[in-house]
Amino acid sequence: NTYGAVVLDDCSFHDCVNLSEFENGRTLSFFPPDGEFVVMNYRLTGEYRTPFRIFPNVEETGPKSFEITITVRAEMESSHFGANVAIELPLPRITSSATCSLINSTNVGSPSAEYMAGEKKVLWTLKKFPGGSEQTLKVKVTLDQACTSQIRREIGPVNMNFEIPMFNVSNLNVRYLRIAENMPGYSPYRWVRYVTQSYSLFAGCDDVTCFDGWKLEMDEIRILYSALHGYGM
């Protein structure tokens, strides 16, 4: 009930972590093994603001054609940005052709959208997606036969992957990092970096009209630091 506290559903720790001060002081101490390792895993399912929102829509333009509009809005502040953003849109197996056009693609770093005929999907990539901005993709699809309700169910779901440097969805923070001194053979360097990564942010399609919704299947917050021969995580 402390103001500003982060409520976790559950968490687990590496075997090297000493938890004697964690319950009262939320302090972790450990002798890190060489190389990169996970100090703590945690799960958070309470209220939080997802960094992106996906708004898909499907409109039939003919018996064998339809147009899909996907608008993605960056909900984080303009001081942050999504990096290496990749958005996939699966299309029906009977798709014969698809053409893509981008709208509002400014300051996003080499955006591109292409129809991958062999995989029957559209791949939309942006190297940089500024916070507070909105990007839109339109896809005109032509089918080999008339569209049915079964074929419409093969559209989507829209899947999005991204990374946001120096951004933390859960608001869990490292207040301080202290490295023990006088340890022969080690050259410690202290630094903390926050990275938000998505494994699956997607919006589904229901019949002709896509619903305005999303699900964050997994959001990983990585806190890295360099210390004692290698990298701790």
Protein backbone atom coordinates (compact mmCIF):
# COMPACT_ATOMS: atom_id res chain seq x y z
CA ASN A 1 0.00 0.00 0.00
CA THR A 2 3.01 2.31 -0.25
CA TYR A 3 2.56 5.20 -2.68
CA GLY A 4 4.43 4.52 -5.92
CA ALA A 5 5.03 0.86 -5.07
CA VAL A 6 5.08 -1.74 -7.85
CA VAL A 7 2.90 -4.79 -7.18
CA LEU A 8 4.26 -8.00 -8.71
CA ASP A 9 2.21 -11.15 -9.18
CA ASP A 10 5.24 -13.36 -8.64
CA CYS A 11 9.01 -13.34 -9.02
CA SER A 12 11.98 -15.72 -8.98
CA PHE A 13 15.72 -15.26 -8.48
CA HIS A 14 19.01 -16.74 -9.61
CA ASP A 15 20.57 -19.27 -7.24
CA CYS A 16 23.45 -16.90 -6.47
CA VAL A 17 21.15 -14.20 -5.03
CA ASN A 18 21.06 -13.62 -1.28
CA LEU A 19 17.48 -12.71 -0.28
CA SER A 20 18.07 -12.02 3.42
CA GLU A 21 17.44 -8.27 2.98
CA PHE A 22 14.84 -8.46 0.23
CA GLU A 23 11.68 -8.81 2.33
CA ASN A 24 12.27 -5.64 4.38
CA GLY A 25 14.66 -3.53 2.31
CA ARG A 26 14.11 -4.84 -1.24
CA THR A 27 17.87 -5.30 -1.47
CA LEU A 28 19.56 -8.08 -3.43
CA SER A 29 23.18 -9.11 -2.93
CA PHE A 30 25.12 -11.74 -4.84
CA PHE A 31 28.48 -12.92 -6.16
CA PRO A 32 27.81 -13.00 -9.90
CA PRO A 33 29.00 -15.89 -12.06
CA ASP A 34 31.00 -15.07 -15.19
CA GLY A 35 29.03 -14.03 -18.24
CA GLU A 36 25.43 -12.94 -18.63
CA PHE A 37 22.75 -14.27 -16.32
CA VAL A 38 19.25 -13.45 -15.04
CA VAL A 39 19.15 -12.01 -11.52
CA MET A 40 15.38 -11.79 -11.26
CA ASN A 41 12.33 -12.77 -13.28
CA TYR A 42 8.99 -11.20 -12.45
CA ARG A 43 5.41 -11.15 -13.74
CA LEU A 44 3.05 -8.20 -13.67
CA THR A 45 -0.59 -8.44 -14.78
CA GLY A 46 -2.11 -5.43 -13.05
CA GLU A 47 -3.00 -2.12 -14.63
CA TYR A 48 -0.29 -0.64 -16.79
CA ARG A 49 -0.16 1.39 -19.95
CA THR A 50 0.93 -0.52 -23.02
CA PRO A 51 3.50 1.45 -25.07
CA PHE A 52 1.64 0.88 -28.37
CA ARG A 53 -2.00 0.57 -29.42
CA ILE A 54 -3.07 -1.20 -32.62
CA PHE A 55 -6.26 -0.18 -34.44
CA PRO A 56 -7.02 -2.51 -37.38
CA ASN A 57 -9.98 -2.28 -39.74
CA VAL A 58 -11.13 -4.35 -42.75
CA GLU A 59 -13.46 -3.06 -45.46
CA GLU A 60 -14.75 -5.11 -48.38
CA THR A 61 -14.32 -3.27 -51.70
CA GLY A 62 -15.64 -6.01 -54.00
CA PRO A 63 -16.58 -9.70 -54.15
CA LYS A 64 -12.91 -10.67 -54.38
CA SER A 65 -11.19 -7.70 -52.78
CA PHE A 66 -10.92 -5.79 -49.52
CA GLU A 67 -8.81 -3.05 -47.94
CA ILE A 68 -7.13 -3.35 -44.57
CA THR A 69 -6.15 -0.26 -42.59
CA ILE A 70 -3.80 -0.61 -39.63
CA THR A 71 -3.12 2.41 -37.43
CA VAL A 72 -0.52 2.11 -34.69
CA ARG A 73 -0.23 4.74 -31.98
CA ALA A 74 2.80 5.13 -29.69
CA GLU A 75 1.38 5.75 -26.21
CA MET A 76 4.69 6.62 -24.53
CA GLU A 77 6.05 10.16 -24.22
CA SER A 78 7.84 11.84 -27.12
CA SER A 79 11.16 11.48 -25.27
CA HIS A 80 11.01 7.71 -25.96
CA PHE A 81 10.83 5.73 -29.18
CA GLY A 82 10.31 2.21 -30.39
CA ALA A 83 13.29 0.67 -32.18
CA ASN A 84 13.38 -2.14 -34.75
CA VAL A 85 9.60 -2.26 -34.95
CA ALA A 86 8.19 -5.14 -37.03
CA ILE A 87 4.46 -5.58 -37.68
CA GLU A 88 3.10 -8.69 -39.42
CA LEU A 89 -0.32 -9.09 -41.00
CA PRO A 90 -1.28 -12.64 -42.11
CA LEU A 91 -3.54 -12.78 -45.18
CA PRO A 92 -5.85 -15.53 -46.49
CA ARG A 93 -4.31 -18.46 -48.31
CA ILE A 94 -6.20 -17.58 -51.51
CA THR A 95 -4.66 -14.10 -51.74
CA SER A 96 -3.50 -13.45 -55.30
CA SER A 97 -1.97 -10.00 -54.79
CA ALA A 98 -1.60 -7.22 -52.21
CA THR A 99 -0.33 -3.66 -52.50
CA CYS A 100 0.85 -1.57 -49.54
CA SER A 101 0.88 2.18 -48.95
CA LEU A 102 2.20 4.06 -45.93
CA ILE A 103 0.62 7.17 -44.39
CA ASN A 104 2.11 9.60 -41.87
CA SER A 105 5.52 7.93 -42.15
CA THR A 106 7.63 10.85 -40.94
CA ASN A 107 10.65 10.69 -38.61
CA VAL A 108 10.35 6.91 -38.41
CA GLY A 109 13.67 5.88 -39.98
CA SER A 110 13.41 4.00 -43.28
CA PRO A 111 9.86 2.59 -43.06
CA SER A 112 8.90 -0.16 -45.48
CA ALA A 113 5.94 -2.44 -46.12
CA GLU A 114 5.86 -5.37 -48.50
CA TYR A 115 3.66 -8.31 -49.34
CA MET A 116 5.50 -11.60 -48.96
CA ALA A 117 3.65 -13.84 -51.39
CA GLY A 118 5.35 -17.06 -50.31
CA GLU A 119 4.24 -16.61 -46.69
CA LYS A 120 0.92 -14.89 -47.45
CA LYS A 121 1.60 -11.99 -45.13
CA VAL A 122 2.49 -8.30 -45.08
CA LEU A 123 5.63 -7.22 -43.22
CA TRP A 124 5.78 -3.59 -42.05
CA THR A 125 9.06 -2.40 -40.52
CA LEU A 126 10.15 0.86 -38.92
CA LYS A 127 13.62 1.43 -37.52
CA LYS A 128 12.34 4.21 -35.24
CA PHE A 129 8.79 4.85 -34.02
CA PRO A 130 8.69 8.16 -32.06
CA GLY A 131 6.60 8.33 -28.90
CA GLY A 132 3.35 10.27 -29.24
CA SER A 133 3.17 9.65 -33.00
CA GLU A 134 0.75 7.66 -35.12
CA GLN A 135 1.55 5.59 -38.22
CA THR A 136 -0.89 4.05 -40.71
CA LEU A 137 -0.61 1.27 -43.27
CA LYS A 138 -3.20 0.53 -45.97
CA VAL A 139 -3.22 -2.83 -47.76
CA LYS A 140 -5.37 -3.52 -50.82
CA VAL A 141 -5.92 -7.26 -51.19
CA THR A 142 -7.20 -9.24 -54.19
CA LEU A 143 -8.36 -12.85 -53.79
CA ASP A 144 -8.54 -15.76 -56.22
CA GLN A 145 -12.20 -16.35 -55.35
CA ALA A 146 -15.10 -14.65 -53.62
CA CYS A 147 -14.58 -13.73 -49.98
CA THR A 148 -16.53 -15.76 -47.42
CA SER A 149 -16.80 -15.61 -43.64
CA GLN A 150 -14.32 -18.50 -43.39
CA ILE A 151 -11.80 -16.64 -45.57
CA ARG A 152 -12.23 -13.45 -43.53
CA ARG A 153 -11.25 -15.36 -40.41
CA GLU A 154 -7.85 -15.98 -41.99
CA ILE A 155 -7.06 -12.25 -41.84
CA GLY A 156 -4.74 -11.50 -38.92
CA PRO A 157 -4.11 -11.35 -36.08
CA VAL A 158 -1.78 -8.37 -36.42
CA ASN A 159 1.46 -9.13 -34.58
CA MET A 160 3.92 -6.47 -33.42
CA ASN A 161 7.47 -6.76 -32.07
CA PHE A 162 9.58 -3.87 -30.81
CA GLU A 163 12.21 -2.65 -28.38
CA ILE A 164 12.12 0.60 -26.38
CA PRO A 165 15.48 1.75 -24.94
CA MET A 166 15.45 3.42 -21.52
CA PHE A 167 11.76 2.65 -20.97
CA ASN A 168 10.16 0.60 -18.22
CA VAL A 169 6.51 -0.46 -18.43
CA SER A 170 6.36 -1.88 -14.89
CA ASN A 171 8.05 1.19 -13.27
CA LEU A 172 10.31 -1.20 -11.37
CA ASN A 173 13.59 0.66 -10.79
CA VAL A 174 17.11 -0.02 -9.55
CA ARG A 175 17.71 2.65 -6.89
CA TYR A 176 21.42 1.94 -6.52
CA LEU A 177 24.09 -0.53 -7.58
CA ARG A 178 27.08 -1.08 -5.35
CA ILE A 179 30.08 -3.23 -6.23
CA ALA A 180 32.37 -4.62 -3.54
CA GLU A 181 35.89 -3.23 -3.66
CA ASN A 182 39.27 -4.90 -3.10
CA MET A 183 38.58 -8.03 -5.10
CA PRO A 184 41.81 -9.09 -6.87
CA GLY A 185 41.52 -9.91 -10.56
CA TYR A 186 38.31 -7.99 -11.22
CA SER A 187 37.73 -4.67 -13.00
CA PRO A 188 34.17 -3.60 -12.18
CA TYR A 189 32.14 -1.08 -14.19
CA ARG A 190 28.76 0.09 -12.95
CA TRP A 191 25.92 0.94 -15.29
CA VAL A 192 22.19 0.33 -15.47
CA ARG A 193 20.15 0.27 -18.69
CA TYR A 194 16.40 -0.20 -19.01
CA VAL A 195 15.02 -1.91 -22.10
CA THR A 196 11.42 -2.86 -22.82
CA GLN A 197 11.01 -5.70 -25.32
CA SER A 198 7.82 -7.28 -26.59
CA TYR A 199 7.45 -10.87 -27.60
CA SER A 200 3.91 -10.50 -28.89
CA LEU A 201 1.64 -7.48 -29.04
CA PHE A 202 -1.29 -8.33 -31.27
CA ALA A 203 -4.76 -7.31 -32.33
CA GLY A 204 -7.25 -9.81 -33.69
CA CYS A 205 -9.81 -9.57 -36.48
CA ASP A 206 -13.43 -10.53 -35.96
CA ASP A 207 -15.31 -11.18 -39.19
CA VAL A 208 -15.22 -8.18 -41.54
CA THR A 209 -14.44 -5.54 -38.94
CA CYS A 210 -11.38 -5.83 -36.74
CA PHE A 211 -11.97 -5.12 -33.08
CA ASP A 212 -10.06 -2.35 -31.36
CA GLY A 213 -8.03 -4.42 -28.94
CA TRP A 214 -4.64 -5.72 -28.06
CA LYS A 215 -2.97 -8.24 -25.87
CA LEU A 216 0.55 -8.00 -24.53
CA GLU A 217 1.55 -11.63 -24.32
CA MET A 218 4.91 -10.96 -22.71
CA ASP A 219 6.77 -7.77 -21.92
CA GLU A 220 10.34 -8.22 -20.79
CA ILE A 221 12.15 -5.51 -18.86
CA ARG A 222 15.89 -6.04 -18.88
CA ILE A 223 18.18 -4.32 -16.40
CA LEU A 224 21.80 -4.83 -17.37
CA TYR A 225 25.05 -3.90 -15.77
CA SER A 226 28.70 -4.67 -16.31
CA ALA A 227 30.54 -5.92 -13.29
CA LEU A 228 33.12 -8.42 -12.14
CA HIS A 229 34.45 -9.95 -15.33
CA GLY A 230 31.22 -9.95 -17.32
CA TYR A 231 27.63 -8.90 -17.62
CA GLY A 232 24.96 -9.28 -15.00
CA MET A 233 21.29 -9.29 -15.76
